[in-house]
Amino acid sequence: MFMFLSHPLDPKDLAWPGEPTVTTKQCTDVTEDCPFCSFITSLPNHCGTHMDAPRHFVKDGLSINELPIEYFCHKDVALLDIPKGLVEGVTADDLKPFADILSKVSFALIRTGLEKYRTEAPETYQMEGAYIDPSAGDYLTENFPNLKGIGMDFLAIGSASDKVPEGKLPPDCHRHILGYYTGKFCTGIEDMHLSELPKDKKIIRFFNAPLRVVGLDSSQVVCIAEIED
């Protein structure tokens, strides 16, 4: 069984506060005068389900197209259920019980349960999301060199809330996981669709293919998982 773990890109969705989302414009349609249909899409690269590569916050960091293909194709993947409330951080202490699992996988999906707000209360999802605490970024990058990335069911690695404590602001969260201080990094896929992923089924394979647009720091990714029947 295959499942999409990325959301469709929808002009009605919310992105990071102040950032644009996808727009589409129809140019032609199939009519008596025109044989084909066509659209123009304007796609900011940090809206919807997308993958942050180091270059997003690290001046000399690798961009999405410089990452080896091993960052996008995975056979060893784990789903970590770590329930969180609004404006709560996923910390190193939350991850330590999964240390044995994290040592064996190349990608980990973190499910907090906050995805429900994406449709129930979009502005809450946008403004009051969870975040990857700097301690978690340090823990992952220092202890699991084979871990290529993590995915999350909330808007971003950092939270847009004004309730986030000092030292855990969005730049702090991104820098600690993307290698700003040590050069050791773990990529992050933000705004994933994980709510329908079965808890008791093995993930056989996971793909997170980016748009290969030259010059981008990061990119939308189409996430597909093969789940055991």
C-alpha atoms as a PDB file:
ATOM      1  CA  MET A   1       0.000   0.000   0.000  1.00  0.00           C
ATOM      2  CA  PHE A   2       1.268   3.456  -0.921  1.00  0.00           C
ATOM      3  CA  MET A   3       0.338   6.708   0.844  1.00  0.00           C
ATOM      4  CA  PHE A   4       1.029  10.372   0.232  1.00  0.00           C
ATOM      5  CA  LEU A   5       2.614  11.943   3.321  1.00  0.00           C
ATOM      6  CA  SER A   6       2.667  15.427   1.790  1.00  0.00           C
ATOM      7  CA  HIS A   7      -0.274  17.798   1.557  1.00  0.00           C
ATOM      8  CA  PRO A   8      -1.526  18.996  -1.835  1.00  0.00           C
ATOM      9  CA  LEU A   9      -0.362  22.531  -2.534  1.00  0.00           C
ATOM     10  CA  ASP A  10      -3.455  24.695  -2.149  1.00  0.00           C
ATOM     11  CA  PRO A  11      -3.648  28.487  -2.640  1.00  0.00           C
ATOM     12  CA  LYS A  12      -6.103  28.558   0.287  1.00  0.00           C
ATOM     13  CA  ASP A  13      -3.560  27.165   2.772  1.00  0.00           C
ATOM     14  CA  LEU A  14      -1.568  29.323   5.185  1.00  0.00           C
ATOM     15  CA  ALA A  15       2.211  29.601   5.081  1.00  0.00           C
ATOM     16  CA  TRP A  16       4.621  31.102   7.621  1.00  0.00           C
ATOM     17  CA  PRO A  17       3.185  34.493   8.714  1.00  0.00           C
ATOM     18  CA  GLY A  18       3.964  37.114   6.086  1.00  0.00           C
ATOM     19  CA  GLU A  19       5.171  34.586   3.519  1.00  0.00           C
ATOM     20  CA  PRO A  20       3.262  33.951   0.279  1.00  0.00           C
ATOM     21  CA  THR A  21       1.672  30.661  -0.689  1.00  0.00           C
ATOM     22  CA  VAL A  22       1.172  29.012  -4.068  1.00  0.00           C
ATOM     23  CA  THR A  23      -0.881  30.778  -6.720  1.00  0.00           C
ATOM     24  CA  THR A  24      -2.134  29.454 -10.040  1.00  0.00           C
ATOM     25  CA  LYS A  25      -3.382  31.158 -13.183  1.00  0.00           C
ATOM     26  CA  GLN A  26      -5.061  29.373 -16.042  1.00  0.00           C
ATOM     27  CA  CYS A  27      -3.686  30.477 -19.402  1.00  0.00           C
ATOM     28  CA  THR A  28      -5.592  28.293 -21.847  1.00  0.00           C
ATOM     29  CA  ASP A  29      -8.340  25.692 -21.871  1.00  0.00           C
ATOM     30  CA  VAL A  30      -9.481  23.101 -24.368  1.00  0.00           C
ATOM     31  CA  THR A  31     -11.942  24.872 -26.666  1.00  0.00           C
ATOM     32  CA  GLU A  32     -12.781  24.974 -30.333  1.00  0.00           C
ATOM     33  CA  ASP A  33     -10.070  27.602 -30.723  1.00  0.00           C
ATOM     34  CA  CYS A  34      -7.382  26.002 -28.492  1.00  0.00           C
ATOM     35  CA  PRO A  35      -6.459  22.307 -28.367  1.00  0.00           C
ATOM     36  CA  PHE A  36      -4.784  22.302 -24.953  1.00  0.00           C
ATOM     37  CA  CYS A  37      -5.039  23.403 -21.324  1.00  0.00           C
ATOM     38  CA  SER A  38      -2.179  25.207 -19.488  1.00  0.00           C
ATOM     39  CA  PHE A  39      -1.463  26.978 -16.219  1.00  0.00           C
ATOM     40  CA  ILE A  40       1.220  29.177 -14.689  1.00  0.00           C
ATOM     41  CA  THR A  41       2.124  28.387 -11.094  1.00  0.00           C
ATOM     42  CA  SER A  42       3.908  30.761  -8.726  1.00  0.00           C
ATOM     43  CA  LEU A  43       5.470  28.626  -6.016  1.00  0.00           C
ATOM     44  CA  PRO A  44       7.357  30.111  -3.038  1.00  0.00           C
ATOM     45  CA  ASN A  45       9.670  27.335  -1.944  1.00  0.00           C
ATOM     46  CA  HIS A  46       8.790  27.426   1.777  1.00  0.00           C
ATOM     47  CA  CYS A  47       5.038  26.891   1.643  1.00  0.00           C
ATOM     48  CA  GLY A  48       3.244  23.575   2.028  1.00  0.00           C
ATOM     49  CA  THR A  49       5.110  20.331   2.643  1.00  0.00           C
ATOM     50  CA  HIS A  50       8.726  21.214   1.998  1.00  0.00           C
ATOM     51  CA  MET A  51      12.217  20.193   3.015  1.00  0.00           C
ATOM     52  CA  ASP A  52      14.666  22.569   4.676  1.00  0.00           C
ATOM     53  CA  ALA A  53      18.236  21.960   3.578  1.00  0.00           C
ATOM     54  CA  PRO A  54      21.154  23.546   5.491  1.00  0.00           C
ATOM     55  CA  ARG A  55      21.417  26.499   3.062  1.00  0.00           C
ATOM     56  CA  HIS A  56      18.087  27.797   4.403  1.00  0.00           C
ATOM     57  CA  PHE A  57      19.868  29.080   7.558  1.00  0.00           C
ATOM     58  CA  VAL A  58      23.563  28.384   6.895  1.00  0.00           C
ATOM     59  CA  LYS A  59      25.298  30.706   4.420  1.00  0.00           C
ATOM     60  CA  ASP A  60      27.748  28.059   3.193  1.00  0.00           C
ATOM     61  CA  GLY A  61      25.449  25.093   3.832  1.00  0.00           C
ATOM     62  CA  LEU A  62      24.376  22.577   1.227  1.00  0.00           C
ATOM     63  CA  SER A  63      21.349  23.492  -0.865  1.00  0.00           C
ATOM     64  CA  ILE A  64      18.574  21.054  -1.666  1.00  0.00           C
ATOM     65  CA  ASN A  65      20.118  20.118  -5.021  1.00  0.00           C
ATOM     66  CA  GLU A  66      23.549  19.509  -3.518  1.00  0.00           C
ATOM     67  CA  LEU A  67      22.324  16.822  -1.143  1.00  0.00           C
ATOM     68  CA  PRO A  68      23.078  13.210  -2.138  1.00  0.00           C
ATOM     69  CA  ILE A  69      20.148  11.122  -3.329  1.00  0.00           C
ATOM     70  CA  GLU A  70      20.281   9.185  -0.042  1.00  0.00           C
ATOM     71  CA  TYR A  71      18.475  12.130   1.532  1.00  0.00           C
ATOM     72  CA  PHE A  72      15.422  11.414  -0.623  1.00  0.00           C
ATOM     73  CA  CYS A  73      15.119   7.602  -0.742  1.00  0.00           C
ATOM     74  CA  HIS A  74      14.825   5.570   2.455  1.00  0.00           C
ATOM     75  CA  LYS A  75      14.382   1.905   3.398  1.00  0.00           C
ATOM     76  CA  ASP A  76      14.786   2.351   7.154  1.00  0.00           C
ATOM     77  CA  VAL A  77      12.121   4.725   8.461  1.00  0.00           C
ATOM     78  CA  ALA A  78      10.398   5.095  11.825  1.00  0.00           C
ATOM     79  CA  LEU A  79       7.230   6.786  13.003  1.00  0.00           C
ATOM     80  CA  LEU A  80       7.688   8.377  16.436  1.00  0.00           C
ATOM     81  CA  ASP A  81       4.481   9.294  18.231  1.00  0.00           C
ATOM     82  CA  ILE A  82       5.366  12.212  20.517  1.00  0.00           C
ATOM     83  CA  PRO A  83       2.130  13.981  21.527  1.00  0.00           C
ATOM     84  CA  LYS A  84       2.485  17.734  21.970  1.00  0.00           C
ATOM     85  CA  GLY A  85       0.230  20.661  22.718  1.00  0.00           C
ATOM     86  CA  LEU A  86       0.290  24.070  21.091  1.00  0.00           C
ATOM     87  CA  VAL A  87       3.588  25.978  21.348  1.00  0.00           C
ATOM     88  CA  GLU A  88       5.356  22.978  22.881  1.00  0.00           C
ATOM     89  CA  GLY A  89       8.833  21.932  21.824  1.00  0.00           C
ATOM     90  CA  VAL A  90       9.976  18.458  20.839  1.00  0.00           C
ATOM     91  CA  THR A  91      13.011  18.142  23.108  1.00  0.00           C
ATOM     92  CA  ALA A  92      16.021  15.876  23.427  1.00  0.00           C
ATOM     93  CA  ASP A  93      14.325  14.214  26.407  1.00  0.00           C
ATOM     94  CA  ASP A  94      11.351  13.374  24.166  1.00  0.00           C
ATOM     95  CA  LEU A  95      13.685  11.686  21.682  1.00  0.00           C
ATOM     96  CA  LYS A  96      15.951   9.762  24.049  1.00  0.00           C
ATOM     97  CA  PRO A  97      13.475   6.879  24.576  1.00  0.00           C
ATOM     98  CA  PHE A  98      13.712   6.311  20.800  1.00  0.00           C
ATOM     99  CA  ALA A  99      17.525   6.263  20.713  1.00  0.00           C
ATOM    100  CA  ASP A 100      17.776   2.629  19.605  1.00  0.00           C
ATOM    101  CA  ILE A 101      15.301   3.243  16.781  1.00  0.00           C
ATOM    102  CA  LEU A 102      16.974   6.473  15.696  1.00  0.00           C
ATOM    103  CA  SER A 103      20.332   4.695  15.461  1.00  0.00           C
ATOM    104  CA  LYS A 104      18.903   2.302  12.856  1.00  0.00           C
ATOM    105  CA  VAL A 105      16.958   4.574  10.527  1.00  0.00           C
ATOM    106  CA  SER A 106      17.778   7.190   7.904  1.00  0.00           C
ATOM    107  CA  PHE A 107      14.513   9.082   8.398  1.00  0.00           C
ATOM    108  CA  ALA A 108      12.171   9.638  11.350  1.00  0.00           C
ATOM    109  CA  LEU A 109       8.605  10.942  11.194  1.00  0.00           C
ATOM    110  CA  ILE A 110       7.521  12.829  14.309  1.00  0.00           C
ATOM    111  CA  ARG A 111       3.770  12.800  14.902  1.00  0.00           C
ATOM    112  CA  THR A 112       2.532  15.176  17.586  1.00  0.00           C
ATOM    113  CA  GLY A 113      -1.182  15.178  16.750  1.00  0.00           C
ATOM    114  CA  LEU A 114      -1.179  18.881  15.894  1.00  0.00           C
ATOM    115  CA  GLU A 115      -2.020  18.253  12.252  1.00  0.00           C
ATOM    116  CA  LYS A 116      -5.707  18.342  13.212  1.00  0.00           C
ATOM    117  CA  TYR A 117      -5.480  22.134  13.508  1.00  0.00           C
ATOM    118  CA  ARG A 118      -4.515  22.434   9.839  1.00  0.00           C
ATOM    119  CA  THR A 119      -8.154  21.996   8.840  1.00  0.00           C
ATOM    120  CA  GLU A 120      -9.979  22.662  12.117  1.00  0.00           C
ATOM    121  CA  ALA A 121      -8.261  25.955  12.966  1.00  0.00           C
ATOM    122  CA  PRO A 122      -5.772  27.027  10.263  1.00  0.00           C
ATOM    123  CA  GLU A 123      -4.670  30.227  12.014  1.00  0.00           C
ATOM    124  CA  THR A 124      -3.931  28.258  15.179  1.00  0.00           C
ATOM    125  CA  TYR A 125      -1.894  25.808  13.090  1.00  0.00           C
ATOM    126  CA  GLN A 126      -0.018  28.734  11.565  1.00  0.00           C
ATOM    127  CA  MET A 127       0.596  30.789  14.702  1.00  0.00           C
ATOM    128  CA  GLU A 128       0.678  28.348  17.641  1.00  0.00           C
ATOM    129  CA  GLY A 129       2.578  25.369  16.302  1.00  0.00           C
ATOM    130  CA  ALA A 130       5.052  23.107  18.038  1.00  0.00           C
ATOM    131  CA  TYR A 131       8.772  23.359  17.313  1.00  0.00           C
ATOM    132  CA  ILE A 132      11.958  21.297  17.248  1.00  0.00           C
ATOM    133  CA  ASP A 133      13.710  22.463  20.400  1.00  0.00           C
ATOM    134  CA  PRO A 134      17.408  23.344  19.988  1.00  0.00           C
ATOM    135  CA  SER A 135      18.219  20.509  22.405  1.00  0.00           C
ATOM    136  CA  ALA A 136      16.560  18.073  19.995  1.00  0.00           C
ATOM    137  CA  GLY A 137      18.552  19.448  17.064  1.00  0.00           C
ATOM    138  CA  ASP A 138      21.792  19.017  18.993  1.00  0.00           C
ATOM    139  CA  TYR A 139      20.818  15.517  20.141  1.00  0.00           C
ATOM    140  CA  LEU A 140      19.984  14.314  16.632  1.00  0.00           C
ATOM    141  CA  THR A 141      22.995  15.799  14.869  1.00  0.00           C
ATOM    142  CA  GLU A 142      25.517  14.749  17.512  1.00  0.00           C
ATOM    143  CA  ASN A 143      24.352  11.165  18.029  1.00  0.00           C
ATOM    144  CA  PHE A 144      22.875   9.819  14.789  1.00  0.00           C
ATOM    145  CA  PRO A 145      25.180  10.439  11.804  1.00  0.00           C
ATOM    146  CA  ASN A 146      23.136   8.128   9.564  1.00  0.00           C
ATOM    147  CA  LEU A 147      19.918  10.068  10.173  1.00  0.00           C
ATOM    148  CA  LYS A 148      19.305  12.104   7.018  1.00  0.00           C
ATOM    149  CA  GLY A 149      16.151  13.887   8.108  1.00  0.00           C
ATOM    150  CA  ILE A 150      13.061  14.194  10.237  1.00  0.00           C
ATOM    151  CA  GLY A 151       9.504  15.035   9.249  1.00  0.00           C
ATOM    152  CA  MET A 152       6.886  16.767  11.385  1.00  0.00           C
ATOM    153  CA  ASP A 153       3.108  17.206  11.398  1.00  0.00           C
ATOM    154  CA  PHE A 154       3.244  20.905  12.279  1.00  0.00           C
ATOM    155  CA  LEU A 155       4.007  24.021  10.273  1.00  0.00           C
ATOM    156  CA  ALA A 156       7.727  24.488  10.777  1.00  0.00           C
ATOM    157  CA  ILE A 157      10.894  23.609  12.689  1.00  0.00           C
ATOM    158  CA  GLY A 158      10.351  26.855  14.611  1.00  0.00           C
ATOM    159  CA  SER A 159       7.067  28.179  15.978  1.00  0.00           C
ATOM    160  CA  ALA A 160       5.597  31.531  14.930  1.00  0.00           C
ATOM    161  CA  SER A 161       4.086  32.063  18.376  1.00  0.00           C
ATOM    162  CA  ASP A 162       5.116  35.031  20.512  1.00  0.00           C
ATOM    163  CA  LYS A 163       4.951  32.680  23.516  1.00  0.00           C
ATOM    164  CA  VAL A 164       8.143  30.845  22.568  1.00  0.00           C
ATOM    165  CA  PRO A 165      10.863  31.383  25.211  1.00  0.00           C
ATOM    166  CA  GLU A 166      14.120  33.175  24.478  1.00  0.00           C
ATOM    167  CA  GLY A 167      16.687  30.787  23.038  1.00  0.00           C
ATOM    168  CA  LYS A 168      14.009  28.711  21.329  1.00  0.00           C
ATOM    169  CA  LEU A 169      12.985  31.206  18.655  1.00  0.00           C
ATOM    170  CA  PRO A 170      12.679  30.049  15.021  1.00  0.00           C
ATOM    171  CA  PRO A 171      16.278  30.925  14.039  1.00  0.00           C
ATOM    172  CA  ASP A 172      17.574  29.031  17.098  1.00  0.00           C
ATOM    173  CA  CYS A 173      15.563  25.922  16.264  1.00  0.00           C
ATOM    174  CA  HIS A 174      16.629  25.900  12.610  1.00  0.00           C
ATOM    175  CA  ARG A 175      20.294  26.614  13.287  1.00  0.00           C
ATOM    176  CA  HIS A 176      20.712  23.788  15.783  1.00  0.00           C
ATOM    177  CA  ILE A 177      19.387  21.133  13.403  1.00  0.00           C
ATOM    178  CA  LEU A 178      20.738  22.501  10.102  1.00  0.00           C
ATOM    179  CA  GLY A 179      24.396  22.681  11.135  1.00  0.00           C
ATOM    180  CA  TYR A 180      24.909  26.394  11.770  1.00  0.00           C
ATOM    181  CA  TYR A 181      27.170  25.817  14.799  1.00  0.00           C
ATOM    182  CA  THR A 182      28.884  22.476  14.149  1.00  0.00           C
ATOM    183  CA  GLY A 183      28.474  21.660  10.467  1.00  0.00           C
ATOM    184  CA  LYS A 184      26.628  18.475  11.467  1.00  0.00           C
ATOM    185  CA  PHE A 185      23.083  18.619  10.171  1.00  0.00           C
ATOM    186  CA  CYS A 186      19.810  16.812   9.815  1.00  0.00           C
ATOM    187  CA  THR A 187      17.285  18.025   7.258  1.00  0.00           C
ATOM    188  CA  GLY A 188      13.657  18.696   8.176  1.00  0.00           C
ATOM    189  CA  ILE A 189      10.417  18.236   6.269  1.00  0.00           C
ATOM    190  CA  GLU A 190       7.830  20.673   7.569  1.00  0.00           C
ATOM    191  CA  ASP A 191       4.036  20.512   7.372  1.00  0.00           C
ATOM    192  CA  MET A 192       3.662  16.792   6.672  1.00  0.00           C
ATOM    193  CA  HIS A 193       0.505  14.694   6.455  1.00  0.00           C
ATOM    194  CA  LEU A 194       1.029  11.982   9.085  1.00  0.00           C
ATOM    195  CA  SER A 195      -2.402  11.645  10.687  1.00  0.00           C
ATOM    196  CA  GLU A 196      -3.471   8.649   8.579  1.00  0.00           C
ATOM    197  CA  LEU A 197      -0.200   6.750   8.854  1.00  0.00           C
ATOM    198  CA  PRO A 198      -0.926   3.412  10.614  1.00  0.00           C
ATOM    199  CA  LYS A 199       0.933   3.094  13.899  1.00  0.00           C
ATOM    200  CA  ASP A 200       1.289  -0.679  13.807  1.00  0.00           C
ATOM    201  CA  LYS A 201       2.407  -1.082  10.184  1.00  0.00           C
ATOM    202  CA  LYS A 202       5.986  -1.190   8.942  1.00  0.00           C
ATOM    203  CA  ILE A 203       7.126   1.540   6.558  1.00  0.00           C
ATOM    204  CA  ILE A 204       8.844  -0.408   3.797  1.00  0.00           C
ATOM    205  CA  ARG A 205      10.099   2.560   1.789  1.00  0.00           C
ATOM    206  CA  PHE A 206       9.828   6.327   1.941  1.00  0.00           C
ATOM    207  CA  PHE A 207      10.528   8.836  -0.826  1.00  0.00           C
ATOM    208  CA  ASN A 208      10.640  12.609  -0.495  1.00  0.00           C
ATOM    209  CA  ALA A 209      11.399  13.865  -3.997  1.00  0.00           C
ATOM    210  CA  PRO A 210      12.187  17.590  -4.327  1.00  0.00           C
ATOM    211  CA  LEU A 211      11.621  19.989  -7.184  1.00  0.00           C
ATOM    212  CA  ARG A 212      15.032  20.189  -8.814  1.00  0.00           C
ATOM    213  CA  VAL A 213      15.049  23.920  -9.471  1.00  0.00           C
ATOM    214  CA  VAL A 214      18.562  25.324  -9.826  1.00  0.00           C
ATOM    215  CA  GLY A 215      19.525  27.867  -7.171  1.00  0.00           C
ATOM    216  CA  LEU A 216      16.978  27.038  -4.471  1.00  0.00           C
ATOM    217  CA  ASP A 217      18.053  26.645  -0.840  1.00  0.00           C
ATOM    218  CA  SER A 218      15.152  24.258  -0.117  1.00  0.00           C
ATOM    219  CA  SER A 219      12.159  22.831  -1.925  1.00  0.00           C
ATOM    220  CA  GLN A 220       8.699  21.375  -1.789  1.00  0.00           C
ATOM    221  CA  VAL A 221       8.856  17.582  -1.633  1.00  0.00           C
ATOM    222  CA  VAL A 222       6.346  14.974  -2.714  1.00  0.00           C
ATOM    223  CA  CYS A 223       6.389  12.418   0.096  1.00  0.00           C
ATOM    224  CA  ILE A 224       5.276   8.855  -0.621  1.00  0.00           C
ATOM    225  CA  ALA A 225       5.481   5.930   1.786  1.00  0.00           C
ATOM    226  CA  GLU A 226       5.034   2.251   1.030  1.00  0.00           C
ATOM    227  CA  ILE A 227       3.303   0.602   3.988  1.00  0.00           C
ATOM    228  CA  GLU A 228       3.037  -3.108   4.622  1.00  0.00           C
ATOM    229  CA  ASP A 229      -0.400  -4.529   3.947  1.00  0.00           C
END
